[in-house]
PDB file of all heavy atoms in Angstrom:
ATOM      1  N   GLY A   1      90.387 151.520  11.575  1.00  0.00           N
ATOM      2  CA  GLY A   1      91.454 150.524  11.438  1.00  0.00           C
ATOM      3  C   GLY A   1      92.641 150.773  12.343  1.00  0.00           C
ATOM      4  O   GLY A   1      93.754 150.339  12.035  1.00  0.00           O
ATOM      5  N   VAL A   2      92.419 151.487  13.449  1.00  0.00           N
ATOM      6  CA  VAL A   2      93.505 151.749  14.390  1.00  0.00           C
ATOM      7  C   VAL A   2      93.232 150.992  15.685  1.00  0.00           C
ATOM      8  O   VAL A   2      92.102 150.596  15.972  1.00  0.00           O
ATOM      9  CB  VAL A   2      93.650 153.254  14.703  1.00  0.00           C
ATOM     10  CG1 VAL A   2      93.841 154.055  13.420  1.00  0.00           C
ATOM     11  CG2 VAL A   2      92.459 153.778  15.493  1.00  0.00           C
ATOM     12  N   SER A   3      94.283 150.782  16.452  1.00  0.00           N
ATOM     13  CA  SER A   3      94.150 150.145  17.758  1.00  0.00           C
ATOM     14  C   SER A   3      94.878 151.008  18.771  1.00  0.00           C
ATOM     15  O   SER A   3      95.857 151.678  18.438  1.00  0.00           O
ATOM     16  CB  SER A   3      94.744 148.738  17.719  1.00  0.00           C
ATOM     17  OG  SER A   3      94.317 147.990  18.839  1.00  0.00           O
ATOM     18  N   MET A   4      94.415 150.973  20.025  1.00  0.00           N
ATOM     19  CA  MET A   4      94.943 151.899  21.023  1.00  0.00           C
ATOM     20  C   MET A   4      95.281 151.158  22.318  1.00  0.00           C
ATOM     21  O   MET A   4      94.538 150.286  22.769  1.00  0.00           O
ATOM     22  CB  MET A   4      93.913 153.004  21.296  1.00  0.00           C
ATOM     23  CG  MET A   4      94.447 154.175  22.087  1.00  0.00           C
ATOM     24  SD  MET A   4      93.358 155.607  21.842  1.00  0.00           S
ATOM     25  CE  MET A   4      94.089 156.797  22.968  1.00  0.00           C
ATOM     26  N   VAL A   5      96.422 151.520  22.896  1.00  0.00           N
ATOM     27  CA  VAL A   5      96.836 151.015  24.205  1.00  0.00           C
ATOM     28  C   VAL A   5      96.716 152.171  25.186  1.00  0.00           C
ATOM     29  O   VAL A   5      97.379 153.196  25.026  1.00  0.00           O
ATOM     30  CB  VAL A   5      98.278 150.479  24.181  1.00  0.00           C
ATOM     31  CG1 VAL A   5      98.674 149.959  25.565  1.00  0.00           C
ATOM     32  CG2 VAL A   5      98.424 149.371  23.143  1.00  0.00           C
ATOM     33  N   PHE A   6      95.891 151.993  26.219  1.00  0.00           N
ATOM     34  CA  PHE A   6      95.585 153.083  27.136  1.00  0.00           C
ATOM     35  C   PHE A   6      96.510 153.074  28.357  1.00  0.00           C
ATOM     36  O   PHE A   6      97.104 152.061  28.717  1.00  0.00           O
ATOM     37  CB  PHE A   6      94.132 152.988  27.617  1.00  0.00           C
ATOM     38  CG  PHE A   6      93.112 153.178  26.534  1.00  0.00           C
ATOM     39  CD1 PHE A   6      92.611 152.089  25.832  1.00  0.00           C
ATOM     40  CD2 PHE A   6      92.650 154.448  26.208  1.00  0.00           C
ATOM     41  CE1 PHE A   6      91.670 152.257  24.835  1.00  0.00           C
ATOM     42  CE2 PHE A   6      91.704 154.628  25.211  1.00  0.00           C
ATOM     43  CZ  PHE A   6      91.213 153.536  24.524  1.00  0.00           C
ATOM     44  N   GLN A   7      96.572 154.231  28.991  1.00  0.00           N
ATOM     45  CA  GLN A   7      97.359 154.385  30.213  1.00  0.00           C
ATOM     46  C   GLN A   7      96.861 153.444  31.312  1.00  0.00           C
ATOM     47  O   GLN A   7      97.641 152.890  32.080  1.00  0.00           O
ATOM     48  CB  GLN A   7      97.273 155.843  30.686  1.00  0.00           C
ATOM     49  CG  GLN A   7      98.026 156.143  31.967  1.00  0.00           C
ATOM     50  CD  GLN A   7      97.899 157.605  32.349  1.00  0.00           C
ATOM     51  OE1 GLN A   7      97.303 158.402  31.638  1.00  0.00           O
ATOM     52  NE2 GLN A   7      98.470 157.968  33.477  1.00  0.00           N
ATOM     53  N   SER A   8      95.553 153.248  31.378  1.00  0.00           N
ATOM     54  CA  SER A   8      94.953 152.433  32.436  1.00  0.00           C
ATOM     55  C   SER A   8      94.861 150.946  32.070  1.00  0.00           C
ATOM     56  O   SER A   8      94.276 150.165  32.808  1.00  0.00           O
ATOM     57  CB  SER A   8      93.546 152.950  32.739  1.00  0.00           C
ATOM     58  OG  SER A   8      92.730 152.842  31.576  1.00  0.00           O
ATOM     59  N   TYR A   9      95.444 150.576  30.893  1.00  0.00           N
ATOM     60  CA  TYR A   9      95.408 149.207  30.358  1.00  0.00           C
ATOM     61  C   TYR A   9      94.018 148.830  29.854  1.00  0.00           C
ATOM     62  O   TYR A   9      93.887 148.205  28.812  1.00  0.00           O
ATOM     63  CB  TYR A   9      95.870 148.146  31.375  1.00  0.00           C
ATOM     64  CG  TYR A   9      97.119 148.499  32.142  1.00  0.00           C
ATOM     65  CD1 TYR A   9      97.264 148.129  33.468  1.00  0.00           C
ATOM     66  CD2 TYR A   9      98.158 149.217  31.541  1.00  0.00           C
ATOM     67  CE1 TYR A   9      98.400 148.447  34.191  1.00  0.00           C
ATOM     68  CE2 TYR A   9      99.297 149.549  32.252  1.00  0.00           C
ATOM     69  CZ  TYR A   9      99.410 149.168  33.578  1.00  0.00           C
ATOM     70  OH  TYR A   9     100.530 149.502  34.279  1.00  0.00           O
ATOM     71  N   ALA A  10      92.946 149.163  30.624  1.00  0.00           N
ATOM     72  CA  ALA A  10      91.552 148.912  30.206  1.00  0.00           C
ATOM     73  C   ALA A  10      91.300 147.453  29.876  1.00  0.00           C
ATOM     74  O   ALA A  10      90.570 147.130  28.943  1.00  0.00           O
ATOM     75  CB  ALA A  10      91.206 149.798  29.001  1.00  0.00           C
ATOM     76  N   ILE A  11      91.917 146.545  30.640  1.00  0.00           N
ATOM     77  CA  ILE A  11      91.598 145.129  30.446  1.00  0.00           C
ATOM     78  C   ILE A  11      90.492 144.736  31.429  1.00  0.00           C
ATOM     79  O   ILE A  11      90.311 145.375  32.461  1.00  0.00           O
ATOM     80  CB  ILE A  11      92.835 144.226  30.616  1.00  0.00           C
ATOM     81  CG1 ILE A  11      93.383 144.304  32.043  1.00  0.00           C
ATOM     82  CG2 ILE A  11      93.910 144.581  29.614  1.00  0.00           C
ATOM     83  CD1 ILE A  11      94.514 143.332  32.302  1.00  0.00           C
ATOM     84  N   TRP A  12      89.738 143.686  31.090  1.00  0.00           N
ATOM     85  CA  TRP A  12      88.595 143.298  31.897  1.00  0.00           C
ATOM     86  C   TRP A  12      89.023 142.297  32.966  1.00  0.00           C
ATOM     87  O   TRP A  12      89.457 141.181  32.654  1.00  0.00           O
ATOM     88  CB  TRP A  12      87.511 142.699  31.002  1.00  0.00           C
ATOM     89  CG  TRP A  12      86.908 143.737  30.114  1.00  0.00           C
ATOM     90  CD1 TRP A  12      85.967 144.660  30.448  1.00  0.00           C
ATOM     91  CD2 TRP A  12      87.215 143.981  28.737  1.00  0.00           C
ATOM     92  NE1 TRP A  12      85.665 145.465  29.374  1.00  0.00           N
ATOM     93  CE2 TRP A  12      86.417 145.060  28.309  1.00  0.00           C
ATOM     94  CE3 TRP A  12      88.083 143.385  27.822  1.00  0.00           C
ATOM     95  CZ2 TRP A  12      86.463 145.565  27.016  1.00  0.00           C
ATOM     96  CZ3 TRP A  12      88.142 143.882  26.538  1.00  0.00           C
ATOM     97  CH2 TRP A  12      87.327 144.957  26.148  1.00  0.00           C
ATOM     98  N   PRO A  13      88.892 142.644  34.243  1.00  0.00           N
ATOM     99  CA  PRO A  13      89.398 141.782  35.326  1.00  0.00           C
ATOM    100  C   PRO A  13      88.651 140.460  35.468  1.00  0.00           C
ATOM    101  O   PRO A  13      89.208 139.488  35.972  1.00  0.00           O
ATOM    102  CB  PRO A  13      89.220 142.652  36.578  1.00  0.00           C
ATOM    103  CG  PRO A  13      88.172 143.659  36.220  1.00  0.00           C
ATOM    104  CD  PRO A  13      88.340 143.901  34.762  1.00  0.00           C
ATOM    105  N   HIS A  14      87.383 140.407  35.012  1.00  0.00           N
ATOM    106  CA  HIS A  14      86.604 139.184  35.155  1.00  0.00           C
ATOM    107  C   HIS A  14      86.885 138.166  34.052  1.00  0.00           C
ATOM    108  O   HIS A  14      86.393 137.033  34.103  1.00  0.00           O
ATOM    109  CB  HIS A  14      85.103 139.516  35.156  1.00  0.00           C
ATOM    110  CG  HIS A  14      84.621 140.115  33.872  1.00  0.00           C
ATOM    111  ND1 HIS A  14      84.918 141.413  33.510  1.00  0.00           N
ATOM    112  CD2 HIS A  14      83.880 139.590  32.866  1.00  0.00           C
ATOM    113  CE1 HIS A  14      84.364 141.663  32.342  1.00  0.00           C
ATOM    114  NE2 HIS A  14      83.735 140.574  31.919  1.00  0.00           N
ATOM    115  N   MET A  15      87.694 138.567  33.048  1.00  0.00           N
ATOM    116  CA  MET A  15      88.028 137.655  31.950  1.00  0.00           C
ATOM    117  C   MET A  15      89.432 137.088  32.140  1.00  0.00           C
ATOM    118  O   MET A  15      90.278 137.668  32.810  1.00  0.00           O
ATOM    119  CB  MET A  15      87.978 138.397  30.605  1.00  0.00           C
ATOM    120  CG  MET A  15      86.627 138.854  30.153  1.00  0.00           C
ATOM    121  SD  MET A  15      86.768 139.584  28.480  1.00  0.00           S
ATOM    122  CE  MET A  15      85.089 140.150  28.223  1.00  0.00           C
ATOM    123  N   THR A  16      89.682 135.959  31.498  1.00  0.00           N
ATOM    124  CA  THR A  16      91.035 135.422  31.460  1.00  0.00           C
ATOM    125  C   THR A  16      91.881 136.241  30.488  1.00  0.00           C
ATOM    126  O   THR A  16      91.360 137.052  29.712  1.00  0.00           O
ATOM    127  CB  THR A  16      91.040 133.954  30.990  1.00  0.00           C
ATOM    128  OG1 THR A  16      90.567 133.913  29.634  1.00  0.00           O
ATOM    129  CG2 THR A  16      90.184 133.085  31.880  1.00  0.00           C
ATOM    130  N   VAL A  17      93.176 135.991  30.533  1.00  0.00           N
ATOM    131  CA  VAL A  17      94.088 136.643  29.588  1.00  0.00           C
ATOM    132  C   VAL A  17      93.671 136.316  28.155  1.00  0.00           C
ATOM    133  O   VAL A  17      93.596 137.203  27.288  1.00  0.00           O
ATOM    134  CB  VAL A  17      95.541 136.186  29.853  1.00  0.00           C
ATOM    135  CG1 VAL A  17      96.464 136.601  28.705  1.00  0.00           C
ATOM    136  CG2 VAL A  17      96.044 136.762  31.169  1.00  0.00           C
ATOM    137  N   PHE A  18      93.383 135.054  27.896  1.00  0.00           N
ATOM    138  CA  PHE A  18      92.983 134.639  26.540  1.00  0.00           C
ATOM    139  C   PHE A  18      91.743 135.403  26.089  1.00  0.00           C
ATOM    140  O   PHE A  18      91.701 135.942  24.968  1.00  0.00           O
ATOM    141  CB  PHE A  18      92.713 133.131  26.514  1.00  0.00           C
ATOM    142  CG  PHE A  18      92.377 132.602  25.144  1.00  0.00           C
ATOM    143  CD1 PHE A  18      93.360 132.035  24.343  1.00  0.00           C
ATOM    144  CD2 PHE A  18      91.083 132.683  24.631  1.00  0.00           C
ATOM    145  CE1 PHE A  18      93.054 131.561  23.073  1.00  0.00           C
ATOM    146  CE2 PHE A  18      90.771 132.211  23.372  1.00  0.00           C
ATOM    147  CZ  PHE A  18      91.763 131.654  22.584  1.00  0.00           C
ATOM    148  N   ASP A  19      90.732 135.459  26.950  1.00  0.00           N
ATOM    149  CA  ASP A  19      89.480 136.104  26.563  1.00  0.00           C
ATOM    150  C   ASP A  19      89.641 137.609  26.366  1.00  0.00           C
ATOM    151  O   ASP A  19      88.968 138.207  25.513  1.00  0.00           O
ATOM    152  CB  ASP A  19      88.393 135.820  27.603  1.00  0.00           C
ATOM    153  CG  ASP A  19      87.933 134.373  27.571  1.00  0.00           C
ATOM    154  OD1 ASP A  19      88.061 133.742  26.501  1.00  0.00           O
ATOM    155  OD2 ASP A  19      87.461 133.869  28.606  1.00  0.00           O
ATOM    156  N   ASN A  20      90.510 138.238  27.151  1.00  0.00           N
ATOM    157  CA  ASN A  20      90.788 139.659  26.956  1.00  0.00           C
ATOM    158  C   ASN A  20      91.351 139.923  25.568  1.00  0.00           C
ATOM    159  O   ASN A  20      90.913 140.840  24.865  1.00  0.00           O
ATOM    160  CB  ASN A  20      91.781 140.154  28.012  1.00  0.00           C
ATOM    161  CG  ASN A  20      91.112 140.829  29.191  1.00  0.00           C
ATOM    162  OD1 ASN A  20      90.733 141.991  29.124  1.00  0.00           O
ATOM    163  ND2 ASN A  20      90.954 140.077  30.272  1.00  0.00           N
ATOM    164  N   VAL A  21      92.322 139.109  25.181  1.00  0.00           N
ATOM    165  CA  VAL A  21      92.967 139.304  23.877  1.00  0.00           C
ATOM    166  C   VAL A  21      92.022 138.928  22.746  1.00  0.00           C
ATOM    167  O   VAL A  21      92.023 139.542  21.680  1.00  0.00           O
ATOM    168  CB  VAL A  21      94.275 138.484  23.804  1.00  0.00           C
ATOM    169  CG1 VAL A  21      94.921 138.628  22.430  1.00  0.00           C
ATOM    170  CG2 VAL A  21      95.247 138.943  24.886  1.00  0.00           C
ATOM    171  N   ALA A  22      91.185 137.931  22.995  1.00  0.00           N
ATOM    172  CA  ALA A  22      90.285 137.446  21.945  1.00  0.00           C
ATOM    173  C   ALA A  22      89.085 138.356  21.728  1.00  0.00           C
ATOM    174  O   ALA A  22      88.414 138.258  20.685  1.00  0.00           O
ATOM    175  CB  ALA A  22      89.789 136.044  22.303  1.00  0.00           C
ATOM    176  N   TYR A  23      88.810 139.244  22.659  1.00  0.00           N
ATOM    177  CA  TYR A  23      87.567 140.014  22.628  1.00  0.00           C
ATOM    178  C   TYR A  23      87.358 140.748  21.293  1.00  0.00           C
ATOM    179  O   TYR A  23      86.296 140.621  20.664  1.00  0.00           O
ATOM    180  CB  TYR A  23      87.549 141.014  23.782  1.00  0.00           C
ATOM    181  CG  TYR A  23      86.274 141.827  23.849  1.00  0.00           C
ATOM    182  CD1 TYR A  23      85.126 141.309  24.441  1.00  0.00           C
ATOM    183  CD2 TYR A  23      86.208 143.114  23.298  1.00  0.00           C
ATOM    184  CE1 TYR A  23      83.952 142.039  24.489  1.00  0.00           C
ATOM    185  CE2 TYR A  23      85.041 143.851  23.330  1.00  0.00           C
ATOM    186  CZ  TYR A  23      83.917 143.315  23.925  1.00  0.00           C
ATOM    187  OH  TYR A  23      82.763 144.034  23.960  1.00  0.00           O
ATOM    188  N   GLY A  24      88.359 141.508  20.864  1.00  0.00           N
ATOM    189  CA  GLY A  24      88.215 142.280  19.632  1.00  0.00           C
ATOM    190  C   GLY A  24      88.047 141.406  18.403  1.00  0.00           C
ATOM    191  O   GLY A  24      87.338 141.767  17.448  1.00  0.00           O
ATOM    192  N   LEU A  25      88.674 140.244  18.413  1.00  0.00           N
ATOM    193  CA  LEU A  25      88.557 139.322  17.286  1.00  0.00           C
ATOM    194  C   LEU A  25      87.154 138.719  17.235  1.00  0.00           C
ATOM    195  O   LEU A  25      86.580 138.534  16.154  1.00  0.00           O
ATOM    196  CB  LEU A  25      89.611 138.219  17.415  1.00  0.00           C
ATOM    197  CG  LEU A  25      91.076 138.692  17.453  1.00  0.00           C
ATOM    198  CD1 LEU A  25      92.003 137.538  17.788  1.00  0.00           C
ATOM    199  CD2 LEU A  25      91.466 139.322  16.118  1.00  0.00           C
ATOM    200  N   ARG A  26      86.608 138.420  18.414  1.00  0.00           N
ATOM    201  CA  ARG A  26      85.246 137.858  18.458  1.00  0.00           C
ATOM    202  C   ARG A  26      84.200 138.887  18.041  1.00  0.00           C
ATOM    203  O   ARG A  26      83.205 138.545  17.392  1.00  0.00           O
ATOM    204  CB  ARG A  26      84.964 137.325  19.857  1.00  0.00           C
ATOM    205  CG  ARG A  26      85.734 136.054  20.179  1.00  0.00           C
ATOM    206  CD  ARG A  26      85.664 135.685  21.637  1.00  0.00           C
ATOM    207  NE  ARG A  26      86.296 134.387  21.898  1.00  0.00           N
ATOM    208  CZ  ARG A  26      86.687 133.979  23.102  1.00  0.00           C
ATOM    209  NH1 ARG A  26      86.488 134.759  24.163  1.00  0.00           N
ATOM    210  NH2 ARG A  26      87.243 132.795  23.253  1.00  0.00           N
ATOM    211  N   VAL A  27      84.435 140.146  18.419  1.00  0.00           N
ATOM    212  CA  VAL A  27      83.527 141.221  18.003  1.00  0.00           C
ATOM    213  C   VAL A  27      83.496 141.316  16.479  1.00  0.00           C
ATOM    214  O   VAL A  27      82.448 141.596  15.881  1.00  0.00           O
ATOM    215  CB  VAL A  27      83.962 142.570  18.632  1.00  0.00           C
ATOM    216  CG1 VAL A  27      83.245 143.738  17.963  1.00  0.00           C
ATOM    217  CG2 VAL A  27      83.686 142.568  20.127  1.00  0.00           C
ATOM    218  N   ARG A  28      84.655 141.043  15.850  1.00  0.00           N
ATOM    219  CA  ARG A  28      84.742 141.079  14.388  1.00  0.00           C
ATOM    220  C   ARG A  28      84.221 139.780  13.756  1.00  0.00           C
ATOM    221  O   ARG A  28      84.329 139.589  12.554  1.00  0.00           O
ATOM    222  CB  ARG A  28      86.182 141.351  13.959  1.00  0.00           C
ATOM    223  CG  ARG A  28      86.620 142.781  14.257  1.00  0.00           C
ATOM    224  CD  ARG A  28      88.127 142.968  14.043  1.00  0.00           C
ATOM    225  NE  ARG A  28      88.498 144.371  14.209  1.00  0.00           N
ATOM    226  CZ  ARG A  28      88.678 144.971  15.380  1.00  0.00           C
ATOM    227  NH1 ARG A  28      88.516 144.279  16.513  1.00  0.00           N
ATOM    228  NH2 ARG A  28      89.008 146.247  15.444  1.00  0.00           N
ATOM    229  N   LYS A  29      83.719 138.881  14.614  1.00  0.00           N
ATOM    230  CA  LYS A  29      83.090 137.633  14.169  1.00  0.00           C
ATOM    231  C   LYS A  29      84.030 136.743  13.361  1.00  0.00           C
ATOM    232  O   LYS A  29      83.632 136.113  12.363  1.00  0.00           O
ATOM    233  CB  LYS A  29      81.808 137.927  13.371  1.00  0.00           C
ATOM    234  CG  LYS A  29      80.782 138.746  14.150  1.00  0.00           C
ATOM    235  CD  LYS A  29      79.462 138.821  13.424  1.00  0.00           C
ATOM    236  CE  LYS A  29      78.478 139.725  14.151  1.00  0.00           C
ATOM    237  NZ  LYS A  29      78.235 139.341  15.548  1.00  0.00           N
ATOM    238  N   LEU A  30      85.281 136.655  13.790  1.00  0.00           N
ATOM    239  CA  LEU A  30      86.225 135.743  13.166  1.00  0.00           C
ATOM    240  C   LEU A  30      85.926 134.316  13.614  1.00  0.00           C
ATOM    241  O   LEU A  30      85.444 134.095  14.729  1.00  0.00           O
ATOM    242  CB  LEU A  30      87.664 136.115  13.558  1.00  0.00           C
ATOM    243  CG  LEU A  30      88.408 137.084  12.634  1.00  0.00           C
ATOM    244  CD1 LEU A  30      87.716 138.441  12.606  1.00  0.00           C
ATOM    245  CD2 LEU A  30      89.860 137.226  13.065  1.00  0.00           C
ATOM    246  N   PRO A  31      86.226 133.328  12.782  1.00  0.00           N
ATOM    247  CA  PRO A  31      86.016 131.927  13.165  1.00  0.00           C
ATOM    248  C   PRO A  31      86.827 131.579  14.418  1.00  0.00           C
ATOM    249  O   PRO A  31      87.905 132.119  14.640  1.00  0.00           O
ATOM    250  CB  PRO A  31      86.513 131.138  11.953  1.00  0.00           C
ATOM    251  CG  PRO A  31      86.462 132.111  10.811  1.00  0.00           C
ATOM    252  CD  PRO A  31      86.720 133.461  11.398  1.00  0.00           C
ATOM    253  N   ALA A  32      86.313 130.659  15.223  1.00  0.00           N
ATOM    254  CA  ALA A  32      86.951 130.305  16.491  1.00  0.00           C
ATOM    255  C   ALA A  32      88.395 129.850  16.306  1.00  0.00           C
ATOM    256  O   ALA A  32      89.276 130.203  17.109  1.00  0.00           O
ATOM    257  CB  ALA A  32      86.142 129.216  17.185  1.00  0.00           C
ATOM    258  N   ALA A  33      88.653 129.062  15.261  1.00  0.00           N
ATOM    259  CA  ALA A  33      90.012 128.567  15.028  1.00  0.00           C
ATOM    260  C   ALA A  33      90.967 129.724  14.729  1.00  0.00           C
ATOM    261  O   ALA A  33      92.125 129.737  15.193  1.00  0.00           O
ATOM    262  CB  ALA A  33      90.011 127.572  13.869  1.00  0.00           C
ATOM    263  N   GLU A  34      90.485 130.707  13.964  1.00  0.00           N
ATOM    264  CA  GLU A  34      91.316 131.871  13.636  1.00  0.00           C
ATOM    265  C   GLU A  34      91.557 132.741  14.871  1.00  0.00           C
ATOM    266  O   GLU A  34      92.638 133.284  15.055  1.00  0.00           O
ATOM    267  CB  GLU A  34      90.642 132.684  12.536  1.00  0.00           C
ATOM    268  CG  GLU A  34      91.534 133.756  11.923  1.00  0.00           C
ATOM    269  CD  GLU A  34      90.894 134.442  10.733  1.00  0.00           C
ATOM    270  OE1 GLU A  34      89.983 133.842  10.111  1.00  0.00           O
ATOM    271  OE2 GLU A  34      91.297 135.595  10.429  1.00  0.00           O
ATOM    272  N   VAL A  35      90.528 132.850  15.715  1.00  0.00           N
ATOM    273  CA  VAL A  35      90.681 133.596  16.970  1.00  0.00           C
ATOM    274  C   VAL A  35      91.766 132.959  17.829  1.00  0.00           C
ATOM    275  O   VAL A  35      92.673 133.627  18.316  1.00  0.00           O
ATOM    276  CB  VAL A  35      89.345 133.648  17.744  1.00  0.00           C
ATOM    277  CG1 VAL A  35      89.578 134.189  19.161  1.00  0.00           C
ATOM    278  CG2 VAL A  35      88.336 134.514  17.012  1.00  0.00           C
ATOM    279  N   ARG A  36      91.683 131.643  18.008  1.00  0.00           N
ATOM    280  CA  ARG A  36      92.665 130.940  18.839  1.00  0.00           C
ATOM    281  C   ARG A  36      94.078 131.096  18.278  1.00  0.00           C
ATOM    282  O   ARG A  36      95.032 131.332  19.025  1.00  0.00           O
ATOM    283  CB  ARG A  36      92.289 129.457  18.950  1.00  0.00           C
ATOM    284  CG  ARG A  36      93.276 128.619  19.766  1.00  0.00           C
ATOM    285  CD  ARG A  36      92.674 127.285  20.139  1.00  0.00           C
ATOM    286  NE  ARG A  36      91.580 127.446  21.077  1.00  0.00           N
ATOM    287  CZ  ARG A  36      91.747 127.595  22.381  1.00  0.00           C
ATOM    288  NH1 ARG A  36      92.966 127.615  22.916  1.00  0.00           N
ATOM    289  NH2 ARG A  36      90.709 127.737  23.174  1.00  0.00           N
ATOM    290  N   GLU A  37      94.217 130.950  16.977  1.00  0.00           N
ATOM    291  CA  GLU A  37      95.532 131.063  16.341  1.00  0.00           C
ATOM    292  C   GLU A  37      96.131 132.459  16.556  1.00  0.00           C
ATOM    293  O   GLU A  37      97.312 132.608  16.898  1.00  0.00           O
ATOM    294  CB  GLU A  37      95.409 130.768  14.841  1.00  0.00           C
ATOM    295  CG  GLU A  37      96.729 130.840  14.092  1.00  0.00           C
ATOM    296  CD  GLU A  37      96.556 130.602  12.596  1.00  0.00           C
ATOM    297  OE1 GLU A  37      95.497 130.059  12.197  1.00  0.00           O
ATOM    298  OE2 GLU A  37      97.462 130.972  11.839  1.00  0.00           O
ATOM    299  N   ASN A  38      95.294 133.499  16.357  1.00  0.00           N
ATOM    300  CA  ASN A  38      95.782 134.872  16.520  1.00  0.00           C
ATOM    301  C   ASN A  38      96.135 135.170  17.973  1.00  0.00           C
ATOM    302  O   ASN A  38      97.140 135.831  18.250  1.00  0.00           O
ATOM    303  CB  ASN A  38      94.725 135.867  16.030  1.00  0.00           C
ATOM    304  CG  ASN A  38      94.821 136.141  14.547  1.00  0.00           C
ATOM    305  OD1 ASN A  38      95.916 136.199  13.997  1.00  0.00           O
ATOM    306  ND2 ASN A  38      93.694 136.279  13.885  1.00  0.00           N
ATOM    307  N   VAL A  39      95.306 134.714  18.903  1.00  0.00           N
ATOM    308  CA  VAL A  39      95.577 134.975  20.318  1.00  0.00           C
ATOM    309  C   VAL A  39      96.875 134.306  20.743  1.00  0.00           C
ATOM    310  O   VAL A  39      97.719 134.920  21.428  1.00  0.00           O
ATOM    311  CB  VAL A  39      94.402 134.490  21.198  1.00  0.00           C
ATOM    312  CG1 VAL A  39      94.779 134.577  22.679  1.00  0.00           C
ATOM    313  CG2 VAL A  39      93.160 135.321  20.927  1.00  0.00           C
ATOM    314  N   GLN A  40      97.066 133.057  20.356  1.00  0.00           N
ATOM    315  CA  GLN A  40      98.296 132.362  20.710  1.00  0.00           C
ATOM    316  C   GLN A  40      99.521 133.048  20.108  1.00  0.00           C
ATOM    317  O   GLN A  40     100.580 133.133  20.739  1.00  0.00           O
ATOM    318  CB  GLN A  40      98.209 130.900  20.261  1.00  0.00           C
ATOM    319  CG  GLN A  40      97.217 130.079  21.078  1.00  0.00           C
ATOM    320  CD  GLN A  40      97.048 128.661  20.564  1.00  0.00           C
ATOM    321  OE1 GLN A  40      97.377 128.367  19.409  1.00  0.00           O
ATOM    322  NE2 GLN A  40      96.514 127.771  21.411  1.00  0.00           N
ATOM    323  N   ARG A  41      99.349 133.539  18.880  1.00  0.00           N
ATOM    324  CA  ARG A  41     100.466 134.226  18.205  1.00  0.00           C
ATOM    325  C   ARG A  41     100.883 135.478  18.972  1.00  0.00           C
ATOM    326  O   ARG A  41     102.066 135.670  19.272  1.00  0.00           O
ATOM    327  CB  ARG A  41     100.054 134.593  16.775  1.00  0.00           C
ATOM    328  CG  ARG A  41     101.094 135.462  16.028  1.00  0.00           C
ATOM    329  CD  ARG A  41     100.599 135.786  14.612  1.00  0.00           C
ATOM    330  NE  ARG A  41      99.352 136.547  14.636  1.00  0.00           N
ATOM    331  CZ  ARG A  41      99.304 137.876  14.767  1.00  0.00           C
ATOM    332  NH1 ARG A  41     100.416 138.588  14.894  1.00  0.00           N
ATOM    333  NH2 ARG A  41      98.131 138.496  14.764  1.00  0.00           N
ATOM    334  N   VAL A  42      99.916 136.327  19.331  1.00  0.00           N
ATOM    335  CA  VAL A  42     100.280 137.597  19.971  1.00  0.00           C
ATOM    336  C   VAL A  42     100.692 137.398  21.433  1.00  0.00           C
ATOM    337  O   VAL A  42     101.539 138.130  21.950  1.00  0.00           O
ATOM    338  CB  VAL A  42      99.148 138.642  19.862  1.00  0.00           C
ATOM    339  CG1 VAL A  42      98.928 139.020  18.405  1.00  0.00           C
ATOM    340  CG2 VAL A  42      97.867 138.178  20.517  1.00  0.00           C
TER     341      VAL A  42
END
């Protein structure tokens, strides 16, 4: 239940900003509407 921010950022260059932020939420199989709402919020 922890999250980590790395020195190297570790973001995926081939993805958009939205998809980078949404990745962990999609892995957790959240509904698409909830994913969009959370990504826009953060």
